[in-house]
């Protein structure tokens, strides 16, 4: 039998812990959205876009310059971020401006970035 450091050496289930933990689980749909949100952050360009928007509202042209990708690529990334309600948009004349949807997104970025600093 092959043993690995990340597995129990003995198969023994604590029914009480399993039951308590299962009771606290949220509906599957919530975890699907959570996974999609982290999936959106898994792309470095989208992460840069969100980080940039945490500083200030930017138009698509500005985002393209900051992230150093084409405006069409920015638009595709923003569509994903909008669908997940991570960013919001507003039109001013012929310009489209983007910002974070709410402070939760800023907090999510801060927590994730803080986590990356830990060894």
PDB file of N, CA and C in Angstrom:
ATOM      1  N   UNK A   1       0.833  -1.178   0.000  1.00  0.00           N
ATOM      2  CA  UNK A   1       0.000   0.000   0.000  1.00  0.00           C
ATOM      3  C   UNK A   1       0.885   1.250   0.000  1.00  0.00           C
ATOM      4  N   UNK A   2       0.583   2.193  -0.886  1.00  0.00           N
ATOM      5  CA  UNK A   2       1.337   3.437  -0.981  1.00  0.00           C
ATOM      6  C   UNK A   2       0.709   4.466  -0.046  1.00  0.00           C
ATOM      7  N   UNK A   3       1.539   5.071   0.789  1.00  0.00           N
ATOM      8  CA  UNK A   3       1.048   6.091   1.709  1.00  0.00           C
ATOM      9  C   UNK A   3       1.548   7.455   1.243  1.00  0.00           C
ATOM     10  N   UNK A   4       0.682   8.434   1.360  1.00  0.00           N
ATOM     11  CA  UNK A   4       1.077   9.795   1.022  1.00  0.00           C
ATOM     12  C   UNK A   4       0.833  10.691   2.224  1.00  0.00           C
ATOM     13  N   UNK A   5       1.532  11.797   2.279  1.00  0.00           N
ATOM     14  CA  UNK A   5       1.456  12.700   3.421  1.00  0.00           C
ATOM     15  C   UNK A   5       0.111  13.402   3.531  1.00  0.00           C
ATOM     16  N   UNK A   6      -0.660  13.448   2.458  1.00  0.00           N
ATOM     17  CA  UNK A   6      -1.917  14.190   2.498  1.00  0.00           C
ATOM     18  C   UNK A   6      -3.139  13.295   2.665  1.00  0.00           C
ATOM     19  N   UNK A   7      -2.943  12.068   3.076  1.00  0.00           N
ATOM     20  CA  UNK A   7      -4.062  11.150   3.286  1.00  0.00           C
ATOM     21  C   UNK A   7      -3.987  10.548   4.676  1.00  0.00           C
ATOM     22  N   UNK A   8      -5.150  10.179   5.217  1.00  0.00           N
ATOM     23  CA  UNK A   8      -5.187   9.450   6.479  1.00  0.00           C
ATOM     24  C   UNK A   8      -4.603   8.056   6.257  1.00  0.00           C
ATOM     25  N   UNK A   9      -3.932   7.545   7.265  1.00  0.00           N
ATOM     26  CA  UNK A   9      -3.406   6.190   7.157  1.00  0.00           C
ATOM     27  C   UNK A   9      -4.488   5.154   7.445  1.00  0.00           C
ATOM     28  N   UNK A  10      -5.558   5.596   8.127  1.00  0.00           N
ATOM     29  CA  UNK A  10      -6.669   4.723   8.467  1.00  0.00           C
ATOM     30  C   UNK A  10      -7.954   5.406   8.023  1.00  0.00           C
ATOM     31  N   UNK A  11      -8.862   4.640   7.439  1.00  0.00           N
ATOM     32  CA  UNK A  11     -10.151   5.189   7.008  1.00  0.00           C
ATOM     33  C   UNK A  11     -11.122   5.101   8.178  1.00  0.00           C
ATOM     34  N   UNK A  12     -11.421   6.265   8.787  1.00  0.00           N
ATOM     35  CA  UNK A  12     -12.335   6.305   9.928  1.00  0.00           C
ATOM     36  C   UNK A  12     -13.126   7.608   9.839  1.00  0.00           C
ATOM     37  N   UNK A  13     -14.430   7.501   9.771  1.00  0.00           N
ATOM     38  CA  UNK A  13     -15.286   8.668   9.619  1.00  0.00           C
ATOM     39  C   UNK A  13     -15.886   9.045  10.972  1.00  0.00           C
ATOM     40  N   UNK A  14     -15.805  10.330  11.306  1.00  0.00           N
ATOM     41  CA  UNK A  14     -16.437  10.857  12.511  1.00  0.00           C
ATOM     42  C   UNK A  14     -17.818  11.352  12.087  1.00  0.00           C
ATOM     43  N   UNK A  15     -18.818  10.534  12.294  1.00  0.00           N
ATOM     44  CA  UNK A  15     -20.175  10.812  11.818  1.00  0.00           C
ATOM     45  C   UNK A  15     -20.718  12.142  12.348  1.00  0.00           C
ATOM     46  N   UNK A  16     -20.423  12.471  13.601  1.00  0.00           N
ATOM     47  CA  UNK A  16     -20.919  13.727  14.174  1.00  0.00           C
ATOM     48  C   UNK A  16     -20.315  14.938  13.460  1.00  0.00           C
ATOM     49  N   UNK A  17     -19.022  14.918  13.214  1.00  0.00           N
ATOM     50  CA  UNK A  17     -18.365  16.029  12.516  1.00  0.00           C
ATOM     51  C   UNK A  17     -18.886  16.154  11.086  1.00  0.00           C
ATOM     52  N   UNK A  18     -19.040  15.024  10.432  1.00  0.00           N
ATOM     53  CA  UNK A  18     -19.545  15.029   9.062  1.00  0.00           C
ATOM     54  C   UNK A  18     -20.951  15.610   9.031  1.00  0.00           C
ATOM     55  N   UNK A  19     -21.790  15.191   9.951  1.00  0.00           N
ATOM     56  CA  UNK A  19     -23.173  15.672  10.003  1.00  0.00           C
ATOM     57  C   UNK A  19     -23.219  17.175  10.270  1.00  0.00           C
ATOM     58  N   UNK A  20     -22.445  17.643  11.269  1.00  0.00           N
ATOM     59  CA  UNK A  20     -22.423  19.076  11.580  1.00  0.00           C
ATOM     60  C   UNK A  20     -21.919  19.888  10.391  1.00  0.00           C
ATOM     61  N   UNK A  21     -20.889  19.417   9.753  1.00  0.00           N
ATOM     62  CA  UNK A  21     -20.308  20.137   8.628  1.00  0.00           C
ATOM     63  C   UNK A  21     -21.264  20.182   7.451  1.00  0.00           C
ATOM     64  N   UNK A  22     -21.914  19.076   7.157  1.00  0.00           N
ATOM     65  CA  UNK A  22     -22.889  19.042   6.060  1.00  0.00           C
ATOM     66  C   UNK A  22     -24.043  20.007   6.293  1.00  0.00           C
ATOM     67  N   UNK A  23     -24.465  20.165   7.541  1.00  0.00           N
ATOM     68  CA  UNK A  23     -25.556  21.075   7.863  1.00  0.00           C
ATOM     69  C   UNK A  23     -25.192  22.519   7.557  1.00  0.00           C
ATOM     70  N   UNK A  24     -23.911  22.838   7.598  1.00  0.00           N
ATOM     71  CA  UNK A  24     -23.465  24.216   7.364  1.00  0.00           C
ATOM     72  C   UNK A  24     -23.189  24.516   5.892  1.00  0.00           C
ATOM     73  N   UNK A  25     -23.189  23.476   5.060  1.00  0.00           N
ATOM     74  CA  UNK A  25     -22.939  23.702   3.640  1.00  0.00           C
ATOM     75  C   UNK A  25     -24.048  24.553   3.029  1.00  0.00           C
ATOM     76  N   UNK A  26     -23.659  25.401   2.126  1.00  0.00           N
ATOM     77  CA  UNK A  26     -24.609  26.222   1.380  1.00  0.00           C
ATOM     78  C   UNK A  26     -25.087  25.441   0.164  1.00  0.00           C
ATOM     79  N   UNK A  27     -26.133  25.895  -0.522  1.00  0.00           N
ATOM     80  CA  UNK A  27     -26.597  25.192  -1.735  1.00  0.00           C
ATOM     81  C   UNK A  27     -25.495  25.129  -2.800  1.00  0.00           C
ATOM     82  N   UNK A  28     -25.530  24.086  -3.611  1.00  0.00           N
ATOM     83  CA  UNK A  28     -24.527  23.878  -4.656  1.00  0.00           C
ATOM     84  C   UNK A  28     -24.385  25.089  -5.571  1.00  0.00           C
ATOM     85  N   UNK A  29     -25.497  25.785  -5.843  1.00  0.00           N
ATOM     86  CA  UNK A  29     -25.453  26.941  -6.741  1.00  0.00           C
ATOM     87  C   UNK A  29     -24.518  28.027  -6.203  1.00  0.00           C
ATOM     88  N   UNK A  30     -24.485  28.185  -4.892  1.00  0.00           N
ATOM     89  CA  UNK A  30     -23.610  29.188  -4.276  1.00  0.00           C
ATOM     90  C   UNK A  30     -22.149  28.838  -4.532  1.00  0.00           C
ATOM     91  N   UNK A  31     -21.800  27.565  -4.394  1.00  0.00           N
ATOM     92  CA  UNK A  31     -20.423  27.148  -4.615  1.00  0.00           C
ATOM     93  C   UNK A  31     -20.047  27.214  -6.096  1.00  0.00           C
ATOM     94  N   UNK A  32     -21.032  27.032  -6.957  1.00  0.00           N
ATOM     95  CA  UNK A  32     -20.780  27.183  -8.393  1.00  0.00           C
ATOM     96  C   UNK A  32     -20.384  28.622  -8.710  1.00  0.00           C
ATOM     97  N   UNK A  33     -21.135  29.578  -8.178  1.00  0.00           N
ATOM     98  CA  UNK A  33     -20.824  30.990  -8.400  1.00  0.00           C
ATOM     99  C   UNK A  33     -19.483  31.338  -7.766  1.00  0.00           C
ATOM    100  N   UNK A  34     -19.212  30.803  -6.587  1.00  0.00           N
ATOM    101  CA  UNK A  34     -17.929  31.042  -5.924  1.00  0.00           C
ATOM    102  C   UNK A  34     -16.780  30.536  -6.793  1.00  0.00           C
ATOM    103  N   UNK A  35     -16.926  29.331  -7.334  1.00  0.00           N
ATOM    104  CA  UNK A  35     -15.888  28.765  -8.195  1.00  0.00           C
ATOM    105  C   UNK A  35     -15.714  29.601  -9.460  1.00  0.00           C
ATOM    106  N   UNK A  36     -16.809  30.086 -10.030  1.00  0.00           N
ATOM    107  CA  UNK A  36     -16.726  30.938 -11.218  1.00  0.00           C
ATOM    108  C   UNK A  36     -16.021  32.255 -10.892  1.00  0.00           C
ATOM    109  N   UNK A  37     -16.278  32.791  -9.708  1.00  0.00           N
ATOM    110  CA  UNK A  37     -15.623  34.037  -9.287  1.00  0.00           C
ATOM    111  C   UNK A  37     -14.121  33.827  -9.176  1.00  0.00           C
ATOM    112  N   UNK A  38     -13.715  32.764  -8.499  1.00  0.00           N
ATOM    113  CA  UNK A  38     -12.278  32.496  -8.392  1.00  0.00           C
ATOM    114  C   UNK A  38     -11.684  32.125  -9.750  1.00  0.00           C
ATOM    115  N   UNK A  39     -12.497  31.498 -10.611  1.00  0.00           N
ATOM    116  CA  UNK A  39     -12.033  31.219 -11.978  1.00  0.00           C
ATOM    117  C   UNK A  39     -11.742  32.498 -12.733  1.00  0.00           C
ATOM    118  N   UNK A  40     -12.583  33.510 -12.528  1.00  0.00           N
ATOM    119  CA  UNK A  40     -12.347  34.805 -13.178  1.00  0.00           C
ATOM    120  C   UNK A  40     -11.053  35.417 -12.671  1.00  0.00           C
ATOM    121  N   UNK A  41     -10.770  35.253 -11.401  1.00  0.00           N
ATOM    122  CA  UNK A  41      -9.533  35.785 -10.830  1.00  0.00           C
ATOM    123  C   UNK A  41      -8.311  34.963 -11.224  1.00  0.00           C
ATOM    124  N   UNK A  42      -8.538  33.762 -11.759  1.00  0.00           N
ATOM    125  CA  UNK A  42      -7.431  32.903 -12.157  1.00  0.00           C
ATOM    126  C   UNK A  42      -6.720  33.416 -13.400  1.00  0.00           C
ATOM    127  N   UNK A  43      -7.320  34.351 -14.109  1.00  0.00           N
ATOM    128  CA  UNK A  43      -6.690  34.959 -15.277  1.00  0.00           C
ATOM    129  C   UNK A  43      -5.957  36.216 -14.816  1.00  0.00           C
ATOM    130  N   UNK A  44      -4.665  36.286 -15.092  1.00  0.00           N
ATOM    131  CA  UNK A  44      -3.864  37.406 -14.574  1.00  0.00           C
ATOM    132  C   UNK A  44      -4.315  38.756 -15.128  1.00  0.00           C
ATOM    133  N   UNK A  45      -4.786  38.799 -16.373  1.00  0.00           N
ATOM    134  CA  UNK A  45      -5.265  40.070 -16.917  1.00  0.00           C
ATOM    135  C   UNK A  45      -6.528  40.547 -16.206  1.00  0.00           C
ATOM    136  N   UNK A  46      -7.435  39.614 -15.919  1.00  0.00           N
ATOM    137  CA  UNK A  46      -8.640  40.008 -15.186  1.00  0.00           C
ATOM    138  C   UNK A  46      -8.294  40.440 -13.768  1.00  0.00           C
ATOM    139  N   UNK A  47      -7.333  39.760 -13.151  1.00  0.00           N
ATOM    140  CA  UNK A  47      -6.896  40.158 -11.810  1.00  0.00           C
ATOM    141  C   UNK A  47      -6.295  41.563 -11.850  1.00  0.00           C
ATOM    142  N   UNK A  48      -5.510  41.859 -12.888  1.00  0.00           N
ATOM    143  CA  UNK A  48      -4.924  43.201 -13.032  1.00  0.00           C
ATOM    144  C   UNK A  48      -6.013  44.251 -13.245  1.00  0.00           C
ATOM    145  N   UNK A  49      -7.009  43.896 -14.023  1.00  0.00           N
ATOM    146  CA  UNK A  49      -8.116  44.829 -14.269  1.00  0.00           C
ATOM    147  C   UNK A  49      -8.826  45.150 -12.955  1.00  0.00           C
ATOM    148  N   UNK A  50      -9.152  44.121 -12.187  1.00  0.00           N
ATOM    149  CA  UNK A  50      -9.832  44.350 -10.918  1.00  0.00           C
ATOM    150  C   UNK A  50      -8.964  45.166  -9.961  1.00  0.00           C
ATOM    151  N   UNK A  51      -7.692  44.838  -9.916  1.00  0.00           N
ATOM    152  CA  UNK A  51      -6.771  45.565  -9.039  1.00  0.00           C
ATOM    153  C   UNK A  51      -6.707  47.037  -9.446  1.00  0.00           C
ATOM    154  N   UNK A  52      -6.649  47.283 -10.735  1.00  0.00           N
ATOM    155  CA  UNK A  52      -6.614  48.656 -11.238  1.00  0.00           C
ATOM    156  C   UNK A  52      -7.900  49.404 -10.902  1.00  0.00           C
ATOM    157  N   UNK A  53      -9.025  48.719 -11.040  1.00  0.00           N
ATOM    158  CA  UNK A  53     -10.311  49.354 -10.746  1.00  0.00           C
ATOM    159  C   UNK A  53     -10.520  49.563  -9.244  1.00  0.00           C
ATOM    160  N   UNK A  54      -9.748  48.874  -8.432  1.00  0.00           N
ATOM    161  CA  UNK A  54      -9.820  49.105  -6.988  1.00  0.00           C
ATOM    162  C   UNK A  54      -9.234  50.468  -6.643  1.00  0.00           C
ATOM    163  N   UNK A  55      -8.369  50.975  -7.536  1.00  0.00           N
ATOM    164  CA  UNK A  55      -7.752  52.287  -7.315  1.00  0.00           C
ATOM    165  C   UNK A  55      -8.662  53.414  -7.773  1.00  0.00           C
ATOM    166  N   UNK A  56      -9.257  53.235  -8.978  1.00  0.00           N
ATOM    167  CA  UNK A  56     -10.161  54.268  -9.490  1.00  0.00           C
ATOM    168  C   UNK A  56     -10.933  53.779 -10.699  1.00  0.00           C
ATOM    169  N   UNK A  57     -11.999  54.470 -11.012  1.00  0.00           N
ATOM    170  CA  UNK A  57     -12.813  54.188 -12.188  1.00  0.00           C
ATOM    171  C   UNK A  57     -11.981  54.466 -13.440  1.00  0.00           C
ATOM    172  N   UNK A  58     -12.071  53.558 -14.414  1.00  0.00           N
ATOM    173  CA  UNK A  58     -11.308  53.709 -15.651  1.00  0.00           C
ATOM    174  C   UNK A  58     -12.182  53.387 -16.851  1.00  0.00           C
ATOM    175  N   UNK A  59     -11.877  54.011 -17.977  1.00  0.00           N
ATOM    176  CA  UNK A  59     -12.555  53.655 -19.222  1.00  0.00           C
ATOM    177  C   UNK A  59     -11.809  52.489 -19.866  1.00  0.00           C
ATOM    178  N   UNK A  60     -12.427  51.889 -20.861  1.00  0.00           N
ATOM    179  CA  UNK A  60     -11.839  50.735 -21.542  1.00  0.00           C
ATOM    180  C   UNK A  60     -10.463  51.082 -22.112  1.00  0.00           C
ATOM    181  N   UNK A  61     -10.325  52.257 -22.703  1.00  0.00           N
ATOM    182  CA  UNK A  61      -9.039  52.673 -23.286  1.00  0.00           C
ATOM    183  C   UNK A  61      -7.948  52.737 -22.217  1.00  0.00           C
ATOM    184  N   UNK A  62      -8.295  53.316 -21.067  1.00  0.00           N
ATOM    185  CA  UNK A  62      -7.326  53.406 -19.973  1.00  0.00           C
ATOM    186  C   UNK A  62      -6.936  52.026 -19.469  1.00  0.00           C
ATOM    187  N   UNK A  63      -7.925  51.144 -19.316  1.00  0.00           N
ATOM    188  CA  UNK A  63      -7.647  49.784 -18.843  1.00  0.00           C
ATOM    189  C   UNK A  63      -6.711  49.076 -19.813  1.00  0.00           C
ATOM    190  N   UNK A  64      -6.963  49.225 -21.113  1.00  0.00           N
ATOM    191  CA  UNK A  64      -6.114  48.585 -22.127  1.00  0.00           C
ATOM    192  C   UNK A  64      -4.673  49.058 -21.990  1.00  0.00           C
ATOM    193  N   UNK A  65      -4.482  50.339 -21.743  1.00  0.00           N
ATOM    194  CA  UNK A  65      -3.128  50.879 -21.581  1.00  0.00           C
ATOM    195  C   UNK A  65      -2.472  50.378 -20.300  1.00  0.00           C
ATOM    196  N   UNK A  66      -3.229  50.359 -19.219  1.00  0.00           N
ATOM    197  CA  UNK A  66      -2.675  49.915 -17.934  1.00  0.00           C
ATOM    198  C   UNK A  66      -2.266  48.449 -18.000  1.00  0.00           C
ATOM    199  N   UNK A  67      -3.135  47.607 -18.532  1.00  0.00           N
ATOM    200  CA  UNK A  67      -2.892  46.169 -18.549  1.00  0.00           C
ATOM    201  C   UNK A  67      -2.034  45.747 -19.745  1.00  0.00           C
ATOM    202  N   UNK A  68      -1.907  46.646 -20.713  1.00  0.00           N
ATOM    203  CA  UNK A  68      -1.094  46.403 -21.915  1.00  0.00           C
ATOM    204  C   UNK A  68      -1.656  45.260 -22.769  1.00  0.00           C
ATOM    205  N   UNK A  69      -2.969  45.307 -23.000  1.00  0.00           N
ATOM    206  CA  UNK A  69      -3.625  44.385 -23.925  1.00  0.00           C
ATOM    207  C   UNK A  69      -4.578  45.206 -24.794  1.00  0.00           C
ATOM    208  N   UNK A  70      -5.094  44.602 -25.837  1.00  0.00           N
ATOM    209  CA  UNK A  70      -5.966  45.330 -26.760  1.00  0.00           C
ATOM    210  C   UNK A  70      -7.289  45.688 -26.110  1.00  0.00           C
ATOM    211  N   UNK A  71      -7.931  46.716 -26.657  1.00  0.00           N
ATOM    212  CA  UNK A  71      -9.233  47.111 -26.116  1.00  0.00           C
ATOM    213  C   UNK A  71     -10.277  46.023 -26.330  1.00  0.00           C
ATOM    214  N   UNK A  72     -10.151  45.238 -27.398  1.00  0.00           N
ATOM    215  CA  UNK A  72     -11.106  44.144 -27.604  1.00  0.00           C
ATOM    216  C   UNK A  72     -10.891  43.048 -26.558  1.00  0.00           C
ATOM    217  N   UNK A  73      -9.644  42.787 -26.189  1.00  0.00           N
ATOM    218  CA  UNK A  73      -9.373  41.806 -25.124  1.00  0.00           C
ATOM    219  C   UNK A  73      -9.910  42.320 -23.797  1.00  0.00           C
ATOM    220  N   UNK A  74      -9.731  43.609 -23.532  1.00  0.00           N
ATOM    221  CA  UNK A  74     -10.274  44.210 -22.311  1.00  0.00           C
ATOM    222  C   UNK A  74     -11.787  44.042 -22.281  1.00  0.00           C
ATOM    223  N   UNK A  75     -12.443  44.317 -23.399  1.00  0.00           N
ATOM    224  CA  UNK A  75     -13.898  44.185 -23.470  1.00  0.00           C
ATOM    225  C   UNK A  75     -14.349  42.764 -23.162  1.00  0.00           C
ATOM    226  N   UNK A  76     -13.623  41.778 -23.671  1.00  0.00           N
ATOM    227  CA  UNK A  76     -13.969  40.382 -23.399  1.00  0.00           C
ATOM    228  C   UNK A  76     -13.818  40.065 -21.910  1.00  0.00           C
ATOM    229  N   UNK A  77     -12.726  40.548 -21.314  1.00  0.00           N
ATOM    230  CA  UNK A  77     -12.516  40.324 -19.882  1.00  0.00           C
ATOM    231  C   UNK A  77     -13.599  41.032 -19.062  1.00  0.00           C
ATOM    232  N   UNK A  78     -13.925  42.254 -19.445  1.00  0.00           N
ATOM    233  CA  UNK A  78     -14.936  43.012 -18.714  1.00  0.00           C
ATOM    234  C   UNK A  78     -16.319  42.358 -18.803  1.00  0.00           C
ATOM    235  N   UNK A  79     -16.605  41.736 -19.938  1.00  0.00           N
ATOM    236  CA  UNK A  79     -17.883  41.034 -20.084  1.00  0.00           C
ATOM    237  C   UNK A  79     -17.984  39.920 -19.047  1.00  0.00           C
ATOM    238  N   UNK A  80     -16.912  39.172 -18.866  1.00  0.00           N
ATOM    239  CA  UNK A  80     -16.886  38.100 -17.863  1.00  0.00           C
ATOM    240  C   UNK A  80     -17.042  38.684 -16.463  1.00  0.00           C
ATOM    241  N   UNK A  81     -16.305  39.738 -16.177  1.00  0.00           N
ATOM    242  CA  UNK A  81     -16.350  40.361 -14.856  1.00  0.00           C
ATOM    243  C   UNK A  81     -17.726  40.972 -14.564  1.00  0.00           C
ATOM    244  N   UNK A  82     -18.365  41.534 -15.604  1.00  0.00           N
ATOM    245  CA  UNK A  82     -19.717  42.084 -15.446  1.00  0.00           C
ATOM    246  C   UNK A  82     -20.720  40.976 -15.176  1.00  0.00           C
ATOM    247  N   UNK A  83     -20.614  39.880 -15.915  1.00  0.00           N
ATOM    248  CA  UNK A  83     -21.532  38.751 -15.761  1.00  0.00           C
ATOM    249  C   UNK A  83     -21.496  38.215 -14.333  1.00  0.00           C
ATOM    250  N   UNK A  84     -20.324  38.229 -13.726  1.00  0.00           N
ATOM    251  CA  UNK A  84     -20.168  37.741 -12.354  1.00  0.00           C
ATOM    252  C   UNK A  84     -20.410  38.840 -11.317  1.00  0.00           C
ATOM    253  N   UNK A  85     -20.821  40.019 -11.793  1.00  0.00           N
ATOM    254  CA  UNK A  85     -21.122  41.164 -10.918  1.00  0.00           C
ATOM    255  C   UNK A  85     -19.904  41.622 -10.117  1.00  0.00           C
ATOM    256  N   UNK A  86     -18.727  41.500 -10.732  1.00  0.00           N
ATOM    257  CA  UNK A  86     -17.512  41.968 -10.083  1.00  0.00           C
ATOM    258  C   UNK A  86     -17.222  43.418 -10.430  1.00  0.00           C
ATOM    259  N   UNK A  87     -17.690  43.849 -11.603  1.00  0.00           N
ATOM    260  CA  UNK A  87     -17.533  45.247 -12.012  1.00  0.00           C
ATOM    261  C   UNK A  87     -18.876  45.785 -12.480  1.00  0.00           C
ATOM    262  N   UNK A  88     -18.982  47.103 -12.453  1.00  0.00           N
ATOM    263  CA  UNK A  88     -20.162  47.768 -12.995  1.00  0.00           C
ATOM    264  C   UNK A  88     -19.694  48.802 -14.003  1.00  0.00           C
ATOM    265  N   UNK A  89     -20.590  49.230 -14.844  1.00  0.00           N
ATOM    266  CA  UNK A  89     -20.247  50.177 -15.899  1.00  0.00           C
ATOM    267  C   UNK A  89     -21.182  51.365 -15.874  1.00  0.00           C
ATOM    268  N   UNK A  90     -20.687  52.458 -16.412  1.00  0.00           N
ATOM    269  CA  UNK A  90     -21.542  53.627 -16.609  1.00  0.00           C
ATOM    270  C   UNK A  90     -21.054  54.346 -17.857  1.00  0.00           C
ATOM    271  N   UNK A  91     -22.000  54.875 -18.607  1.00  0.00           N
ATOM    272  CA  UNK A  91     -21.685  55.584 -19.845  1.00  0.00           C
ATOM    273  C   UNK A  91     -21.692  57.073 -19.557  1.00  0.00           C
ATOM    274  N   UNK A  92     -20.692  57.742 -20.112  1.00  0.00           N
ATOM    275  CA  UNK A  92     -20.636  59.208 -20.065  1.00  0.00           C
ATOM    276  C   UNK A  92     -20.334  59.668 -21.487  1.00  0.00           C
ATOM    277  N   UNK A  93     -21.367  60.137 -22.163  1.00  0.00           N
ATOM    278  CA  UNK A  93     -21.206  60.492 -23.575  1.00  0.00           C
ATOM    279  C   UNK A  93     -20.861  59.262 -24.376  1.00  0.00           C
ATOM    280  N   UNK A  94     -19.726  59.292 -25.040  1.00  0.00           N
ATOM    281  CA  UNK A  94     -19.289  58.164 -25.859  1.00  0.00           C
ATOM    282  C   UNK A  94     -18.306  57.256 -25.127  1.00  0.00           C
ATOM    283  N   UNK A  95     -18.052  57.545 -23.875  1.00  0.00           N
ATOM    284  CA  UNK A  95     -17.090  56.773 -23.082  1.00  0.00           C
ATOM    285  C   UNK A  95     -17.827  55.822 -22.139  1.00  0.00           C
ATOM    286  N   UNK A  96     -17.246  54.632 -21.948  1.00  0.00           N
ATOM    287  CA  UNK A  96     -17.780  53.645 -21.004  1.00  0.00           C
ATOM    288  C   UNK A  96     -16.757  53.483 -19.886  1.00  0.00           C
ATOM    289  N   UNK A  97     -17.213  53.752 -18.665  1.00  0.00           N
ATOM    290  CA  UNK A  97     -16.338  53.684 -17.498  1.00  0.00           C
ATOM    291  C   UNK A  97     -16.700  52.481 -16.643  1.00  0.00           C
ATOM    292  N   UNK A  98     -15.682  51.891 -16.028  1.00  0.00           N
ATOM    293  CA  UNK A  98     -15.863  50.711 -15.192  1.00  0.00           C
ATOM    294  C   UNK A  98     -15.308  50.971 -13.803  1.00  0.00           C
ATOM    295  N   UNK A  99     -15.957  50.329 -12.836  1.00  0.00           N
ATOM    296  CA  UNK A  99     -15.489  50.373 -11.451  1.00  0.00           C
ATOM    297  C   UNK A  99     -15.883  49.051 -10.796  1.00  0.00           C
ATOM    298  N   UNK A 100     -15.346  48.809  -9.605  1.00  0.00           N
ATOM    299  CA  UNK A 100     -15.725  47.601  -8.880  1.00  0.00           C
ATOM    300  C   UNK A 100     -17.193  47.685  -8.502  1.00  0.00           C
ATOM    301  N   UNK A 101     -17.863  46.558  -8.502  1.00  0.00           N
ATOM    302  CA  UNK A 101     -19.297  46.537  -8.191  1.00  0.00           C
ATOM    303  C   UNK A 101     -19.585  47.018  -6.784  1.00  0.00           C
ATOM    304  N   UNK A 102     -18.748  46.603  -5.839  1.00  0.00           N
ATOM    305  CA  UNK A 102     -18.954  47.037  -4.461  1.00  0.00           C
ATOM    306  C   UNK A 102     -17.682  46.790  -3.662  1.00  0.00           C
ATOM    307  N   UNK A 103     -17.731  47.160  -2.405  1.00  0.00           N
ATOM    308  CA  UNK A 103     -16.540  47.060  -1.564  1.00  0.00           C
ATOM    309  C   UNK A 103     -16.154  45.617  -1.262  1.00  0.00           C
ATOM    310  N   UNK A 104     -17.087  44.666  -1.425  1.00  0.00           N
ATOM    311  CA  UNK A 104     -16.751  43.259  -1.205  1.00  0.00           C
ATOM    312  C   UNK A 104     -15.656  42.802  -2.157  1.00  0.00           C
ATOM    313  N   UNK A 105     -15.693  43.291  -3.378  1.00  0.00           N
ATOM    314  CA  UNK A 105     -14.692  42.895  -4.373  1.00  0.00           C
ATOM    315  C   UNK A 105     -13.326  43.431  -3.952  1.00  0.00           C
ATOM    316  N   UNK A 106     -13.290  44.653  -3.477  1.00  0.00           N
ATOM    317  CA  UNK A 106     -12.038  45.244  -2.983  1.00  0.00           C
ATOM    318  C   UNK A 106     -11.498  44.402  -1.817  1.00  0.00           C
ATOM    319  N   UNK A 107     -12.370  44.029  -0.900  1.00  0.00           N
ATOM    320  CA  UNK A 107     -11.956  43.211   0.246  1.00  0.00           C
ATOM    321  C   UNK A 107     -11.452  41.841  -0.204  1.00  0.00           C
ATOM    322  N   UNK A 108     -12.133  41.245  -1.180  1.00  0.00           N
ATOM    323  CA  UNK A 108     -11.705  39.955  -1.711  1.00  0.00           C
ATOM    324  C   UNK A 108     -10.295  40.056  -2.276  1.00  0.00           C
ATOM    325  N   UNK A 109     -10.034  41.094  -3.054  1.00  0.00           N
ATOM    326  CA  UNK A 109      -8.691  41.302  -3.604  1.00  0.00           C
ATOM    327  C   UNK A 109      -7.669  41.487  -2.501  1.00  0.00           C
ATOM    328  N   UNK A 110      -7.997  42.302  -1.510  1.00  0.00           N
ATOM    329  CA  UNK A 110      -7.061  42.559  -0.414  1.00  0.00           C
ATOM    330  C   UNK A 110      -6.720  41.273   0.339  1.00  0.00           C
ATOM    331  N   UNK A 111      -7.735  40.466   0.621  1.00  0.00           N
ATOM    332  CA  UNK A 111      -7.509  39.214   1.343  1.00  0.00           C
ATOM    333  C   UNK A 111      -6.659  38.259   0.508  1.00  0.00           C
ATOM    334  N   UNK A 112      -6.978  38.129  -0.771  1.00  0.00           N
ATOM    335  CA  UNK A 112      -6.214  37.237  -1.653  1.00  0.00           C
ATOM    336  C   UNK A 112      -4.765  37.702  -1.783  1.00  0.00           C
ATOM    337  N   UNK A 113      -4.558  38.998  -1.940  1.00  0.00           N
ATOM    338  CA  UNK A 113      -3.200  39.525  -2.056  1.00  0.00           C
ATOM    339  C   UNK A 113      -2.426  39.344  -0.750  1.00  0.00           C
ATOM    340  N   UNK A 114      -3.085  39.533   0.363  1.00  0.00           N
ATOM    341  CA  UNK A 114      -2.442  39.321   1.662  1.00  0.00           C
ATOM    342  C   UNK A 114      -2.035  37.858   1.806  1.00  0.00           C
ATOM    343  N   UNK A 115      -2.901  36.961   1.347  1.00  0.00           N
ATOM    344  CA  UNK A 115      -2.600  35.529   1.408  1.00  0.00           C
ATOM    345  C   UNK A 115      -1.358  35.177   0.583  1.00  0.00           C
ATOM    346  N   UNK A 116      -1.191  35.824  -0.561  1.00  0.00           N
ATOM    347  CA  UNK A 116      -0.032  35.518  -1.412  1.00  0.00           C
ATOM    348  C   UNK A 116       1.285  35.926  -0.757  1.00  0.00           C
ATOM    349  N   UNK A 117       1.233  36.812   0.226  1.00  0.00           N
ATOM    350  CA  UNK A 117       2.452  37.262   0.905  1.00  0.00           C
ATOM    351  C   UNK A 117       2.926  36.290   1.974  1.00  0.00           C
ATOM    352  N   UNK A 118       2.063  35.356   2.381  1.00  0.00           N
ATOM    353  CA  UNK A 118       2.436  34.396   3.411  1.00  0.00           C
ATOM    354  C   UNK A 118       3.216  33.245   2.797  1.00  0.00           C
ATOM    355  N   UNK A 119       4.234  32.793   3.509  1.00  0.00           N
ATOM    356  CA  UNK A 119       5.037  31.672   2.972  1.00  0.00           C
ATOM    357  C   UNK A 119       4.258  30.367   2.916  1.00  0.00           C
TER     358      UNK A 119
END
